[in-house]
PDB file of N, CA and C in Angstrom:
ATOM      1  N   UNK A   1      21.460  10.097  -5.949  1.00  0.00           N
ATOM      2  CA  UNK A   1      20.714   9.680  -7.022  1.00  0.00           C
ATOM      3  C   UNK A   1      20.078   8.485  -7.079  1.00  0.00           C
ATOM      4  N   UNK A   2      18.958   8.883  -5.822  1.00  0.00           N
ATOM      5  CA  UNK A   2      18.116   7.270  -5.957  1.00  0.00           C
ATOM      6  C   UNK A   2      17.930   6.881  -7.443  1.00  0.00           C
ATOM      7  N   UNK A   3      17.644   4.955  -7.046  1.00  0.00           N
ATOM      8  CA  UNK A   3      16.782   4.111  -7.977  1.00  0.00           C
ATOM      9  C   UNK A   3      15.322   4.128  -7.825  1.00  0.00           C
ATOM     10  N   UNK A   4      15.130   3.076  -9.175  1.00  0.00           N
ATOM     11  CA  UNK A   4      13.796   3.166  -8.620  1.00  0.00           C
ATOM     12  C   UNK A   4      13.132   2.407  -8.182  1.00  0.00           C
ATOM     13  N   UNK A   5      14.007   1.204  -7.757  1.00  0.00           N
ATOM     14  CA  UNK A   5      13.908   0.120  -7.076  1.00  0.00           C
ATOM     15  C   UNK A   5      13.772   0.555  -5.458  1.00  0.00           C
ATOM     16  N   UNK A   6      15.025   1.801  -5.094  1.00  0.00           N
ATOM     17  CA  UNK A   6      14.996   2.465  -3.450  1.00  0.00           C
ATOM     18  C   UNK A   6      13.650   3.112  -3.565  1.00  0.00           C
ATOM     19  N   UNK A   7      13.418   3.860  -4.763  1.00  0.00           N
ATOM     20  CA  UNK A   7      12.236   5.187  -4.672  1.00  0.00           C
ATOM     21  C   UNK A   7      10.393   3.679  -4.097  1.00  0.00           C
ATOM     22  N   UNK A   8      10.303   2.498  -5.026  1.00  0.00           N
ATOM     23  CA  UNK A   8       9.707   1.749  -4.462  1.00  0.00           C
ATOM     24  C   UNK A   8       9.464   1.500  -3.592  1.00  0.00           C
ATOM     25  N   UNK A   9      11.009   1.190  -2.877  1.00  0.00           N
ATOM     26  CA  UNK A   9      11.092   0.068  -1.189  1.00  0.00           C
ATOM     27  C   UNK A   9      10.399   1.559  -0.479  1.00  0.00           C
ATOM     28  N   UNK A  10      10.983   2.686  -0.722  1.00  0.00           N
ATOM     29  CA  UNK A  10      10.874   3.222   0.191  1.00  0.00           C
ATOM     30  C   UNK A  10       9.652   3.878   0.670  1.00  0.00           C
ATOM     31  N   UNK A  11       8.596   4.249  -0.335  1.00  0.00           N
ATOM     32  CA  UNK A  11       7.333   4.168  -1.143  1.00  0.00           C
ATOM     33  C   UNK A  11       6.978   3.267  -0.187  1.00  0.00           C
ATOM     34  N   UNK A  12       6.764   1.580  -0.513  1.00  0.00           N
ATOM     35  CA  UNK A  12       6.245   0.840   0.504  1.00  0.00           C
ATOM     36  C   UNK A  12       6.736   1.134   1.834  1.00  0.00           C
ATOM     37  N   UNK A  13       7.146   1.248   2.332  1.00  0.00           N
ATOM     38  CA  UNK A  13       7.355   1.434   3.871  1.00  0.00           C
ATOM     39  C   UNK A  13       7.088   2.482   4.042  1.00  0.00           C
ATOM     40  N   UNK A  14       6.569   3.869   3.810  1.00  0.00           N
ATOM     41  CA  UNK A  14       6.066   4.372   3.557  1.00  0.00           C
ATOM     42  C   UNK A  14       4.890   4.141   4.371  1.00  0.00           C
ATOM     43  N   UNK A  15       4.036   3.841   3.081  1.00  0.00           N
ATOM     44  CA  UNK A  15       2.284   3.340   2.669  1.00  0.00           C
ATOM     45  C   UNK A  15       1.816   2.308   4.024  1.00  0.00           C
ATOM     46  N   UNK A  16       3.102   1.460   4.196  1.00  0.00           N
ATOM     47  CA  UNK A  16       2.792   0.688   5.211  1.00  0.00           C
ATOM     48  C   UNK A  16       2.748   0.776   6.762  1.00  0.00           C
ATOM     49  N   UNK A  17       4.005   2.188   6.868  1.00  0.00           N
ATOM     50  CA  UNK A  17       4.450   2.361   8.231  1.00  0.00           C
ATOM     51  C   UNK A  17       2.519   3.849   8.533  1.00  0.00           C
ATOM     52  N   UNK A  18       2.069   4.535   7.299  1.00  0.00           N
ATOM     53  CA  UNK A  18       1.059   4.835   7.333  1.00  0.00           C
ATOM     54  C   UNK A  18       0.180   4.402   7.706  1.00  0.00           C
ATOM     55  N   UNK A  19      -0.277   3.116   6.813  1.00  0.00           N
ATOM     56  CA  UNK A  19      -1.993   2.228   6.540  1.00  0.00           C
ATOM     57  C   UNK A  19      -1.578   1.636   8.866  1.00  0.00           C
ATOM     58  N   UNK A  20      -0.638   2.028   8.514  1.00  0.00           N
ATOM     59  CA  UNK A  20      -0.392   0.118   9.927  1.00  0.00           C
ATOM     60  C   UNK A  20      -0.754   1.454  11.378  1.00  0.00           C
ATOM     61  N   UNK A  21      -0.353   3.020  11.290  1.00  0.00           N
ATOM     62  CA  UNK A  21      -0.603   3.888  12.131  1.00  0.00           C
ATOM     63  C   UNK A  21      -2.394   4.557  12.362  1.00  0.00           C
ATOM     64  N   UNK A  22      -2.799   4.815  10.902  1.00  0.00           N
ATOM     65  CA  UNK A  22      -4.599   4.761  10.528  1.00  0.00           C
ATOM     66  C   UNK A  22      -4.642   3.909  11.624  1.00  0.00           C
ATOM     67  N   UNK A  23      -4.791   2.807  11.022  1.00  0.00           N
ATOM     68  CA  UNK A  23      -5.630   1.588  11.283  1.00  0.00           C
ATOM     69  C   UNK A  23      -4.713   0.552  12.139  1.00  0.00           C
ATOM     70  N   UNK A  24      -4.092   1.297  13.025  1.00  0.00           N
ATOM     71  CA  UNK A  24      -3.895   0.197  13.942  1.00  0.00           C
ATOM     72  C   UNK A  24      -4.068  -1.179  13.821  1.00  0.00           C
ATOM     73  N   UNK A  25      -2.766  -1.912  12.220  1.00  0.00           N
ATOM     74  CA  UNK A  25      -2.522  -3.425  12.714  1.00  0.00           C
ATOM     75  C   UNK A  25      -1.529  -3.078  11.691  1.00  0.00           C
ATOM     76  N   UNK A  26      -0.362  -3.719  12.977  1.00  0.00           N
ATOM     77  CA  UNK A  26       1.152  -4.355  12.575  1.00  0.00           C
ATOM     78  C   UNK A  26       1.539  -3.825  10.998  1.00  0.00           C
ATOM     79  N   UNK A  27       2.967  -3.257  11.265  1.00  0.00           N
ATOM     80  CA  UNK A  27       2.875  -3.253   9.820  1.00  0.00           C
ATOM     81  C   UNK A  27       3.076  -4.419   9.255  1.00  0.00           C
ATOM     82  N   UNK A  28       3.715  -5.849   9.838  1.00  0.00           N
ATOM     83  CA  UNK A  28       4.277  -6.981   9.208  1.00  0.00           C
ATOM     84  C   UNK A  28       2.821  -7.152   8.690  1.00  0.00           C
ATOM     85  N   UNK A  29       1.839  -7.140   9.740  1.00  0.00           N
ATOM     86  CA  UNK A  29       1.020  -7.820   9.123  1.00  0.00           C
ATOM     87  C   UNK A  29       0.241  -7.069   7.493  1.00  0.00           C
ATOM     88  N   UNK A  30       0.747  -6.498   7.313  1.00  0.00           N
ATOM     89  CA  UNK A  30       0.635  -5.243   6.224  1.00  0.00           C
ATOM     90  C   UNK A  30       1.565  -5.717   4.967  1.00  0.00           C
ATOM     91  N   UNK A  31       2.348  -6.613   4.658  1.00  0.00           N
ATOM     92  CA  UNK A  31       3.203  -6.419   4.221  1.00  0.00           C
ATOM     93  C   UNK A  31       2.600  -7.827   3.391  1.00  0.00           C
ATOM     94  N   UNK A  32       3.346  -8.617   2.458  1.00  0.00           N
ATOM     95  CA  UNK A  32       3.541  -9.400   1.370  1.00  0.00           C
ATOM     96  C   UNK A  32       2.326  -9.481   0.507  1.00  0.00           C
ATOM     97  N   UNK A  33       1.528  -9.850  -0.146  1.00  0.00           N
ATOM     98  CA  UNK A  33       0.412  -9.470  -1.505  1.00  0.00           C
ATOM     99  C   UNK A  33      -0.506  -9.810  -1.016  1.00  0.00           C
ATOM    100  N   UNK A  34      -1.152  -9.850   0.243  1.00  0.00           N
ATOM    101  CA  UNK A  34      -2.734  -9.785   1.524  1.00  0.00           C
ATOM    102  C   UNK A  34      -3.352  -8.198   0.590  1.00  0.00           C
ATOM    103  N   UNK A  35      -4.364  -7.989   0.088  1.00  0.00           N
ATOM    104  CA  UNK A  35      -5.626  -6.883  -0.221  1.00  0.00           C
ATOM    105  C   UNK A  35      -5.406  -6.793   1.258  1.00  0.00           C
ATOM    106  N   UNK A  36      -6.384  -5.311   1.191  1.00  0.00           N
ATOM    107  CA  UNK A  36      -6.751  -4.225   1.791  1.00  0.00           C
ATOM    108  C   UNK A  36      -7.751  -5.262   2.789  1.00  0.00           C
ATOM    109  N   UNK A  37      -9.069  -6.037   2.122  1.00  0.00           N
ATOM    110  CA  UNK A  37      -9.801  -6.560   2.639  1.00  0.00           C
ATOM    111  C   UNK A  37      -9.267  -7.897   3.337  1.00  0.00           C
ATOM    112  N   UNK A  38      -8.312  -8.054   2.733  1.00  0.00           N
ATOM    113  CA  UNK A  38      -8.318  -9.386   3.526  1.00  0.00           C
ATOM    114  C   UNK A  38      -7.308  -9.663   5.003  1.00  0.00           C
ATOM    115  N   UNK A  39      -7.372  -7.818   5.048  1.00  0.00           N
ATOM    116  CA  UNK A  39      -6.616  -7.113   6.682  1.00  0.00           C
ATOM    117  C   UNK A  39      -8.247  -7.075   7.678  1.00  0.00           C
ATOM    118  N   UNK A  40      -9.425  -7.602   7.277  1.00  0.00           N
ATOM    119  CA  UNK A  40     -10.160  -6.929   8.045  1.00  0.00           C
ATOM    120  C   UNK A  40     -11.118  -5.791   7.827  1.00  0.00           C
ATOM    121  N   UNK A  41     -10.198  -4.790   6.962  1.00  0.00           N
ATOM    122  CA  UNK A  41     -11.058  -3.536   6.044  1.00  0.00           C
ATOM    123  C   UNK A  41     -11.245  -3.168   5.065  1.00  0.00           C
ATOM    124  N   UNK A  42     -12.928  -2.652   5.283  1.00  0.00           N
ATOM    125  CA  UNK A  42     -14.471  -2.044   4.518  1.00  0.00           C
ATOM    126  C   UNK A  42     -13.780  -0.901   4.096  1.00  0.00           C
ATOM    127  N   UNK A  43     -14.907  -0.595   3.395  1.00  0.00           N
ATOM    128  CA  UNK A  43     -14.452   0.366   2.663  1.00  0.00           C
ATOM    129  C   UNK A  43     -14.534   1.356   3.331  1.00  0.00           C
ATOM    130  N   UNK A  44     -14.878   1.812   4.513  1.00  0.00           N
ATOM    131  CA  UNK A  44     -14.721   2.876   4.355  1.00  0.00           C
ATOM    132  C   UNK A  44     -13.047   2.850   5.201  1.00  0.00           C
ATOM    133  N   UNK A  45     -12.370   2.561   5.706  1.00  0.00           N
ATOM    134  CA  UNK A  45     -11.362   1.882   5.756  1.00  0.00           C
ATOM    135  C   UNK A  45     -10.290   2.258   4.747  1.00  0.00           C
ATOM    136  N   UNK A  46     -10.821   1.424   3.821  1.00  0.00           N
ATOM    137  CA  UNK A  46      -9.938   2.547   2.610  1.00  0.00           C
ATOM    138  C   UNK A  46      -9.676   3.146   2.015  1.00  0.00           C
ATOM    139  N   UNK A  47     -11.337   3.874   2.156  1.00  0.00           N
ATOM    140  CA  UNK A  47     -10.587   5.331   1.966  1.00  0.00           C
ATOM    141  C   UNK A  47     -10.934   6.270   2.448  1.00  0.00           C
ATOM    142  N   UNK A  48     -10.910   6.340   4.435  1.00  0.00           N
ATOM    143  CA  UNK A  48      -9.400   6.836   4.318  1.00  0.00           C
ATOM    144  C   UNK A  48      -8.156   7.005   3.948  1.00  0.00           C
ATOM    145  N   UNK A  49      -7.215   5.242   3.574  1.00  0.00           N
ATOM    146  CA  UNK A  49      -6.125   5.123   3.740  1.00  0.00           C
ATOM    147  C   UNK A  49      -6.264   6.112   2.203  1.00  0.00           C
ATOM    148  N   UNK A  50      -6.764   6.411   1.320  1.00  0.00           N
ATOM    149  CA  UNK A  50      -6.719   6.910   0.229  1.00  0.00           C
ATOM    150  C   UNK A  50      -6.839   8.080  -0.147  1.00  0.00           C
ATOM    151  N   UNK A  51      -7.129   8.740   1.333  1.00  0.00           N
ATOM    152  CA  UNK A  51      -7.058  10.340   1.223  1.00  0.00           C
ATOM    153  C   UNK A  51      -5.808  10.628   2.047  1.00  0.00           C
ATOM    154  N   UNK A  52      -5.837   9.864   3.238  1.00  0.00           N
ATOM    155  CA  UNK A  52      -4.482   9.406   3.765  1.00  0.00           C
ATOM    156  C   UNK A  52      -3.128   9.899   2.363  1.00  0.00           C
ATOM    157  N   UNK A  53      -3.426   8.964   2.359  1.00  0.00           N
ATOM    158  CA  UNK A  53      -2.383   8.657   1.129  1.00  0.00           C
ATOM    159  C   UNK A  53      -1.992  10.164   0.062  1.00  0.00           C
ATOM    160  N   UNK A  54      -3.037  10.485  -0.645  1.00  0.00           N
ATOM    161  CA  UNK A  54      -3.807  11.548  -1.188  1.00  0.00           C
ATOM    162  C   UNK A  54      -3.016  13.310  -0.228  1.00  0.00           C
ATOM    163  N   UNK A  55      -3.138  12.505   1.186  1.00  0.00           N
ATOM    164  CA  UNK A  55      -2.483  13.952   1.656  1.00  0.00           C
ATOM    165  C   UNK A  55      -0.778  14.793   1.905  1.00  0.00           C
ATOM    166  N   UNK A  56      -0.596  13.240   2.491  1.00  0.00           N
ATOM    167  CA  UNK A  56       0.902  12.824   2.549  1.00  0.00           C
ATOM    168  C   UNK A  56       1.891  13.150   0.903  1.00  0.00           C
ATOM    169  N   UNK A  57       1.317  13.026   0.081  1.00  0.00           N
ATOM    170  CA  UNK A  57       1.875  12.847  -1.367  1.00  0.00           C
ATOM    171  C   UNK A  57       1.479  13.959  -2.012  1.00  0.00           C
ATOM    172  N   UNK A  58       0.651  14.728  -2.329  1.00  0.00           N
ATOM    173  CA  UNK A  58       0.012  15.476  -2.653  1.00  0.00           C
ATOM    174  C   UNK A  58      -0.446  15.434  -4.136  1.00  0.00           C
ATOM    175  N   UNK A  59      -1.577  14.333  -3.770  1.00  0.00           N
ATOM    176  CA  UNK A  59      -1.891  13.509  -5.154  1.00  0.00           C
ATOM    177  C   UNK A  59      -3.189  13.694  -5.184  1.00  0.00           C
ATOM    178  N   UNK A  60      -4.258  13.097  -6.260  1.00  0.00           N
ATOM    179  CA  UNK A  60      -5.681  13.038  -6.397  1.00  0.00           C
ATOM    180  C   UNK A  60      -5.011  11.773  -6.434  1.00  0.00           C
ATOM    181  N   UNK A  61      -6.389  10.429  -6.652  1.00  0.00           N
ATOM    182  CA  UNK A  61      -6.642   8.796  -6.808  1.00  0.00           C
ATOM    183  C   UNK A  61      -7.690   9.100  -7.773  1.00  0.00           C
ATOM    184  N   UNK A  62      -7.728   8.987  -8.625  1.00  0.00           N
ATOM    185  CA  UNK A  62      -8.967   9.594  -9.474  1.00  0.00           C
ATOM    186  C   UNK A  62      -9.384   7.766  -8.638  1.00  0.00           C
ATOM    187  N   UNK A  63     -10.911   7.774  -8.412  1.00  0.00           N
ATOM    188  CA  UNK A  63     -11.993   7.369  -8.411  1.00  0.00           C
ATOM    189  C   UNK A  63     -11.657   5.134  -9.270  1.00  0.00           C
ATOM    190  N   UNK A  64     -11.414   6.443 -10.413  1.00  0.00           N
ATOM    191  CA  UNK A  64     -11.361   4.614 -11.010  1.00  0.00           C
ATOM    192  C   UNK A  64     -10.181   4.099 -11.002  1.00  0.00           C
ATOM    193  N   UNK A  65      -9.237   4.651 -10.089  1.00  0.00           N
ATOM    194  CA  UNK A  65      -7.887   4.041 -10.364  1.00  0.00           C
ATOM    195  C   UNK A  65      -7.643   2.382  -9.328  1.00  0.00           C
ATOM    196  N   UNK A  66      -7.787   0.881  -9.344  1.00  0.00           N
ATOM    197  CA  UNK A  66      -8.554   0.873  -8.383  1.00  0.00           C
ATOM    198  C   UNK A  66      -7.971   0.225  -7.157  1.00  0.00           C
ATOM    199  N   UNK A  67      -7.338   0.390  -5.802  1.00  0.00           N
ATOM    200  CA  UNK A  67      -6.995   0.114  -5.213  1.00  0.00           C
ATOM    201  C   UNK A  67      -7.546  -1.327  -4.152  1.00  0.00           C
ATOM    202  N   UNK A  68      -7.244  -2.074  -4.241  1.00  0.00           N
ATOM    203  CA  UNK A  68      -7.383  -3.585  -3.058  1.00  0.00           C
ATOM    204  C   UNK A  68      -5.641  -3.247  -2.287  1.00  0.00           C
ATOM    205  N   UNK A  69      -5.304  -2.943  -2.462  1.00  0.00           N
ATOM    206  CA  UNK A  69      -3.794  -3.627  -1.628  1.00  0.00           C
ATOM    207  C   UNK A  69      -2.535  -2.091  -1.692  1.00  0.00           C
ATOM    208  N   UNK A  70      -1.430  -2.647  -0.921  1.00  0.00           N
ATOM    209  CA  UNK A  70      -0.014  -1.762  -0.773  1.00  0.00           C
ATOM    210  C   UNK A  70      -0.122  -0.878  -1.788  1.00  0.00           C
ATOM    211  N   UNK A  71       0.810  -2.403  -2.861  1.00  0.00           N
ATOM    212  CA  UNK A  71       1.030  -2.394  -3.559  1.00  0.00           C
ATOM    213  C   UNK A  71       0.144  -1.804  -5.113  1.00  0.00           C
ATOM    214  N   UNK A  72      -1.221  -1.622  -5.295  1.00  0.00           N
ATOM    215  CA  UNK A  72      -1.845  -1.473  -5.915  1.00  0.00           C
ATOM    216  C   UNK A  72      -2.465   0.474  -5.496  1.00  0.00           C
ATOM    217  N   UNK A  73      -1.402   1.025  -3.938  1.00  0.00           N
ATOM    218  CA  UNK A  73      -0.726   2.474  -3.758  1.00  0.00           C
ATOM    219  C   UNK A  73       0.201   2.791  -4.086  1.00  0.00           C
ATOM    220  N   UNK A  74       0.830   2.029  -4.261  1.00  0.00           N
ATOM    221  CA  UNK A  74       2.360   2.577  -4.259  1.00  0.00           C
ATOM    222  C   UNK A  74       2.669   2.453  -5.821  1.00  0.00           C
ATOM    223  N   UNK A  75       2.238   1.482  -6.557  1.00  0.00           N
ATOM    224  CA  UNK A  75       1.868   1.838  -8.084  1.00  0.00           C
ATOM    225  C   UNK A  75       1.627   3.361  -8.727  1.00  0.00           C
ATOM    226  N   UNK A  76       0.571   3.464  -8.006  1.00  0.00           N
ATOM    227  CA  UNK A  76       0.242   4.565  -8.703  1.00  0.00           C
ATOM    228  C   UNK A  76       1.187   6.091  -8.284  1.00  0.00           C
ATOM    229  N   UNK A  77       1.530   6.316  -6.481  1.00  0.00           N
ATOM    230  CA  UNK A  77       2.467   7.184  -6.444  1.00  0.00           C
ATOM    231  C   UNK A  77       3.568   7.161  -6.963  1.00  0.00           C
ATOM    232  N   UNK A  78       4.067   6.170  -7.644  1.00  0.00           N
ATOM    233  CA  UNK A  78       5.005   6.288  -8.434  1.00  0.00           C
ATOM    234  C   UNK A  78       5.374   6.172  -9.777  1.00  0.00           C
ATOM    235  N   UNK A  79       3.481   5.957 -10.293  1.00  0.00           N
ATOM    236  CA  UNK A  79       3.162   6.650 -12.068  1.00  0.00           C
ATOM    237  C   UNK A  79       3.356   7.409 -11.742  1.00  0.00           C
ATOM    238  N   UNK A  80       3.029   8.302 -10.245  1.00  0.00           N
ATOM    239  CA  UNK A  80       1.747  10.113 -10.671  1.00  0.00           C
ATOM    240  C   UNK A  80       4.185  10.607 -10.288  1.00  0.00           C
ATOM    241  N   UNK A  81       4.852  10.070  -9.570  1.00  0.00           N
ATOM    242  CA  UNK A  81       5.759  10.983  -9.866  1.00  0.00           C
ATOM    243  C   UNK A  81       6.486  10.500 -10.897  1.00  0.00           C
ATOM    244  N   UNK A  82       6.186   9.477 -11.992  1.00  0.00           N
ATOM    245  CA  UNK A  82       6.935   9.549 -13.023  1.00  0.00           C
ATOM    246  C   UNK A  82       6.704  10.494 -14.448  1.00  0.00           C
ATOM    247  N   UNK A  83       5.057  10.440 -13.821  1.00  0.00           N
ATOM    248  CA  UNK A  83       4.918  11.343 -14.821  1.00  0.00           C
ATOM    249  C   UNK A  83       4.978  13.085 -14.713  1.00  0.00           C
TER     250      UNK A  83
END
């Protein structure tokens, strides 16, 4: 059985790899506290990332959910898996 921390770590790595492939940014540049905007992304990039995450994880991220970082995406995915 996977623990919550294991699940979060796995999700975090998966989302970083997804964003890395989608936007051709090295994974090490995406980890840490930096926001998506700080990695040179614009609103179109963020929308592309949200759509890719929604497709991969079969979730819908509502427009009102703030997505500024990888952490925001992982937090939402964890919350949606828990409910």
